Structure formats: C-alpha cells, structure tokens
Amino acid sequence: INFKTQITYNIGWCTTKTGTPFPVTLPTETQKTWMITYDYTEQRIVFYCNGVQVLNVVVSDNMCTRWSTTNSWRDWWKRKPTQIKFYSGSDTKYSSGYDTASDSFCLSSKPGAV
C-alpha cells in the first residue's frame, strides 16, 4: 500500500511499480486500519480498510504480465507465506523505502488454516 496523494497498492510483479488505484473509494477517516488476507491455494488477495473490503483479486496470467515467463508468477504466489516485511526508509535496496505510515502490525492465521 502506497500512501501518496492517492493511496494505491502494489502486488509484487503483478501490478505497476508506481501503484494501482483501489477500485473503490476508501473510507475517509484519517486513521486507517488495514487487514490483508492471502489464500495461497487459490492465490486470492483481499484488502480491507477500516473493516471495509476495498480489493479482492486472484493473481492471474492477465494480472502478472511483468514476469519473463507465464509460469514464474505461479511458482512465487503458490507458496505458503513464511514471512512478512514492511520496508522502511532504511532499506537502501528499495529506493525510498515503502512503509512510512505503519504504527504497528499483528500477524494472524485463520483457525484451521494450513
């Protein structure tokens, strides 16, 4: 999630590097609490902002056109997540750093999730 004049999102190698606008109007509150869910078995990513679903996408060939081969995105996105990273301004590998807005985060797994 990119906090610029317009808040946008980026799904690694499947959306533009500069960010994609959300398809719906985001809640207007200044304080935004985000929840992002990912089902690696069907490659579905869902974003919620202040309890409102604002994005629900399935990673696909049509979405992931930045890969050099069609199957490359599948090899990446079918994996069970093992870590989450919020890039900060000190991450020199990523030009300006990404996360300048987070105060905290909580990792959770659905009951019964594999």
Protein backbone atom coordinates (compact mmCIF):
# COMPACT_ATOMS: atom_id res chain seq x y z
CA ILE A 1 0.00 0.00 0.00
CA ASN A 2 1.50 3.29 -1.09
CA PHE A 3 0.46 6.40 0.85
CA LYS A 4 0.77 9.19 -1.69
CA THR A 5 -1.71 11.84 -2.77
CA GLN A 6 -3.87 8.92 -3.89
CA ILE A 7 -3.45 5.71 -1.88
CA THR A 8 -2.52 2.86 -4.21
CA TYR A 9 -1.49 -0.79 -3.89
CA ASN A 10 1.23 -2.90 -5.42
CA ILE A 11 1.21 -6.68 -5.73
CA GLY A 12 4.78 -7.84 -6.37
CA TRP A 13 5.48 -8.31 -10.06
CA CYS A 14 1.77 -8.32 -10.85
CA THR A 15 0.90 -4.61 -10.79
CA THR A 16 2.73 -1.48 -11.86
CA LYS A 17 5.72 -0.39 -9.78
CA THR A 18 4.14 3.02 -9.28
CA GLY A 19 0.97 1.59 -7.73
CA THR A 20 -2.57 0.81 -8.84
CA PRO A 21 -5.55 2.82 -7.57
CA PHE A 22 -8.07 0.91 -5.47
CA PRO A 23 -11.26 0.12 -7.46
CA VAL A 24 -13.50 1.64 -4.75
CA THR A 25 -13.43 4.79 -2.65
CA LEU A 26 -11.53 4.20 0.57
CA PRO A 27 -13.02 5.10 3.97
CA THR A 28 -12.46 8.80 4.68
CA GLU A 29 -11.12 8.53 8.24
CA THR A 30 -7.56 9.78 8.60
CA GLN A 31 -6.60 6.80 10.79
CA LYS A 32 -6.78 3.69 8.60
CA THR A 33 -6.52 0.14 9.89
CA TRP A 34 -5.63 -2.30 7.14
CA MET A 35 -6.16 -6.05 7.02
CA ILE A 36 -4.69 -8.03 4.15
CA THR A 37 -5.55 -11.68 3.66
CA TYR A 38 -3.92 -14.10 1.27
CA ASP A 39 -5.12 -17.58 0.32
CA TYR A 40 -2.10 -19.18 -1.33
CA THR A 41 -4.12 -22.21 -2.52
CA GLU A 42 -6.11 -20.03 -4.91
CA GLN A 43 -3.77 -17.01 -4.99
CA ARG A 44 -6.51 -14.67 -3.71
CA ILE A 45 -5.55 -11.39 -2.04
CA VAL A 46 -8.15 -9.36 -0.17
CA PHE A 47 -7.56 -5.90 1.31
CA TYR A 48 -9.79 -4.37 3.99
CA CYS A 49 -9.58 -0.77 5.18
CA ASN A 50 -11.33 0.04 8.47
CA GLY A 51 -13.36 -3.16 8.10
CA VAL A 52 -14.50 -2.41 4.52
CA GLN A 53 -13.38 -4.72 1.70
CA VAL A 54 -11.61 -2.49 -0.84
CA LEU A 55 -9.91 -5.07 -3.06
CA ASN A 56 -10.46 -8.75 -3.84
CA VAL A 57 -8.24 -10.15 -6.59
CA VAL A 58 -6.97 -13.50 -7.77
CA VAL A 59 -3.40 -13.34 -9.05
CA SER A 60 -3.53 -14.48 -12.69
CA ASP A 61 -1.80 -14.51 -16.10
CA ASN A 62 -3.68 -11.32 -17.03
CA MET A 63 -2.53 -9.53 -13.89
CA CYS A 64 1.08 -10.77 -13.73
CA THR A 65 2.45 -9.63 -17.05
CA ARG A 66 5.77 -8.35 -15.64
CA TRP A 67 7.21 -11.88 -15.28
CA SER A 68 9.54 -13.12 -18.04
CA THR A 69 7.59 -16.38 -18.34
CA THR A 70 3.93 -17.09 -17.67
CA ASN A 71 4.54 -19.76 -15.03
CA SER A 72 7.01 -17.67 -12.98
CA TRP A 73 4.28 -15.84 -11.06
CA ARG A 74 2.64 -19.18 -10.19
CA ASP A 75 5.88 -20.51 -8.70
CA TRP A 76 6.09 -17.43 -6.47
CA TRP A 77 2.48 -16.88 -5.49
CA LYS A 78 1.52 -20.54 -4.84
CA ARG A 79 3.95 -20.73 -1.91
CA LYS A 80 2.72 -20.70 1.65
CA PRO A 81 3.88 -17.39 3.18
CA THR A 82 6.73 -17.71 5.67
CA GLN A 83 7.44 -14.04 6.37
CA ILE A 84 6.03 -10.55 6.05
CA LYS A 85 8.21 -7.49 5.68
CA PHE A 86 7.36 -3.82 5.93
CA TYR A 87 10.04 -1.89 4.08
CA SER A 88 11.32 1.19 5.86
CA GLY A 89 13.27 4.18 4.66
CA SER A 90 16.49 2.48 5.81
CA ASP A 91 16.10 -0.31 3.24
CA THR A 92 18.55 1.00 0.64
CA LYS A 93 17.70 -1.85 -1.72
CA TYR A 94 14.32 -0.20 -2.21
CA SER A 95 14.97 3.34 -3.39
CA SER A 96 12.95 5.45 -0.96
CA GLY A 97 11.64 2.70 1.30
CA TYR A 98 7.95 1.90 1.33
CA ASP A 99 6.49 1.92 4.80
CA THR A 100 6.46 5.31 6.43
CA ALA A 101 2.92 5.04 7.79
CA SER A 102 2.67 1.94 9.98
CA ASP A 103 2.47 2.33 13.73
CA SER A 104 2.13 -1.39 14.42
CA PHE A 105 1.01 -4.69 12.92
CA CYS A 106 -0.38 -8.02 14.03
CA LEU A 107 0.09 -11.34 12.28
CA SER A 108 -2.76 -13.79 12.43
CA SER A 109 -3.81 -17.08 10.91
CA LYS A 110 -7.36 -18.27 10.39
CA PRO A 111 -8.31 -21.07 12.77
CA GLY A 112 -7.66 -24.35 10.97
CA ALA A 113 -5.52 -22.70 8.26
CA VAL A 114 -2.68 -24.79 6.91
